[in-house]
Amino acid sequence: MIQQVIKKLETLKRLDQKVEKYTQITDEEFSVHGVLVFIPLDKFEVKVLIPTPHHKKLFDQSIPSFRQVLAHPEVMLLR
């Protein structure tokens, strides 16, 4: 399924575009559970989750591209 998202982003020439819309997921005790990234496609958005602590390395230095997010070994596609 992630491969289909990658192919669609390649078609749209947006695979190397920086992530624009994302949010950190925290609970009521302010424990961080990861980052939710929204990937816009033609008519809808795909949501992917990078769980804690793996999101830190990806988001600490700069905002990653869609390619970097989707290539991460811990990424989970949400429906």
Protein backbone atom coordinates (compact mmCIF):
# COMPACT_ATOMS: atom_id res chain seq x y z
CA MET A 1 0.00 0.00 0.00
CA ILE A 2 2.83 2.42 0.80
CA GLN A 3 4.31 1.60 -2.60
CA GLN A 4 1.09 2.84 -4.22
CA VAL A 5 1.37 6.14 -2.33
CA ILE A 6 4.99 6.49 -3.45
CA LYS A 7 4.04 5.83 -7.09
CA LYS A 8 1.21 8.37 -6.91
CA LEU A 9 3.52 11.01 -5.43
CA GLU A 10 6.06 10.27 -8.18
CA THR A 11 3.33 10.80 -10.77
CA LEU A 12 2.40 14.10 -9.15
CA LYS A 13 6.12 15.03 -8.91
CA ARG A 14 5.76 15.68 -5.17
CA LEU A 15 7.81 12.86 -3.68
CA ASP A 16 10.73 15.16 -2.80
CA GLN A 17 8.48 17.93 -1.50
CA LYS A 18 8.80 18.79 2.19
CA VAL A 19 6.03 17.68 4.53
CA GLU A 20 3.64 20.59 5.08
CA LYS A 21 1.00 19.15 7.37
CA TYR A 22 1.85 17.05 10.41
CA THR A 23 1.05 16.88 14.10
CA GLN A 24 2.66 15.41 17.17
CA ILE A 25 0.43 12.93 18.99
CA THR A 26 0.33 13.36 22.76
CA ASP A 27 -1.98 12.05 25.45
CA GLU A 28 -3.52 13.78 28.46
CA GLU A 29 -0.31 13.18 30.44
CA PHE A 30 1.71 14.88 27.68
CA SER A 31 3.45 11.65 26.70
CA VAL A 32 4.45 11.77 23.05
CA HIS A 33 3.34 8.79 20.95
CA GLY A 34 4.69 9.84 17.56
CA VAL A 35 4.00 12.08 14.60
CA LEU A 36 1.03 11.88 12.27
CA VAL A 37 1.86 13.05 8.72
CA PHE A 38 -0.82 14.01 6.19
CA ILE A 39 0.12 13.31 2.57
CA PRO A 40 -2.10 15.05 0.00
CA LEU A 41 -2.93 13.08 -3.13
CA ASP A 42 -5.37 14.00 -5.91
CA LYS A 43 -8.73 13.75 -4.17
CA PHE A 44 -7.85 12.70 -0.64
CA GLU A 45 -5.18 12.68 2.05
CA VAL A 46 -3.24 9.68 3.25
CA LYS A 47 -2.24 9.59 6.91
CA VAL A 48 0.93 7.89 8.11
CA LEU A 49 2.22 7.49 11.63
CA ILE A 50 5.82 7.40 12.76
CA PRO A 51 5.82 6.14 16.36
CA THR A 52 7.97 7.27 19.26
CA PRO A 53 10.99 7.33 19.50
CA HIS A 54 11.58 6.91 15.76
CA HIS A 55 10.02 10.26 14.81
CA LYS A 56 12.66 12.21 16.73
CA LYS A 57 15.52 11.36 14.41
CA LEU A 58 13.43 12.21 11.36
CA PHE A 59 11.96 15.52 12.58
CA ASP A 60 14.65 16.92 14.91
CA GLN A 61 17.04 18.45 12.38
CA SER A 62 14.61 19.64 9.69
CA ILE A 63 11.26 18.91 8.13
CA PRO A 64 11.58 15.73 6.04
CA SER A 65 10.35 15.12 2.51
CA PHE A 66 7.56 12.72 1.69
CA ARG A 67 10.21 10.33 0.36
CA GLN A 68 12.05 10.33 3.71
CA VAL A 69 8.84 9.76 5.65
CA LEU A 70 7.63 6.90 3.47
CA ALA A 71 11.06 5.24 3.40
CA HIS A 72 11.26 5.15 7.19
CA PRO A 73 11.23 1.51 8.40
CA GLU A 74 8.74 2.22 11.22
CA VAL A 75 6.15 4.14 9.17
CA MET A 76 2.54 2.92 9.45
CA LEU A 77 -0.17 3.74 6.93
CA LEU A 78 -3.49 4.58 8.61
CA ARG A 79 -6.92 4.14 7.06
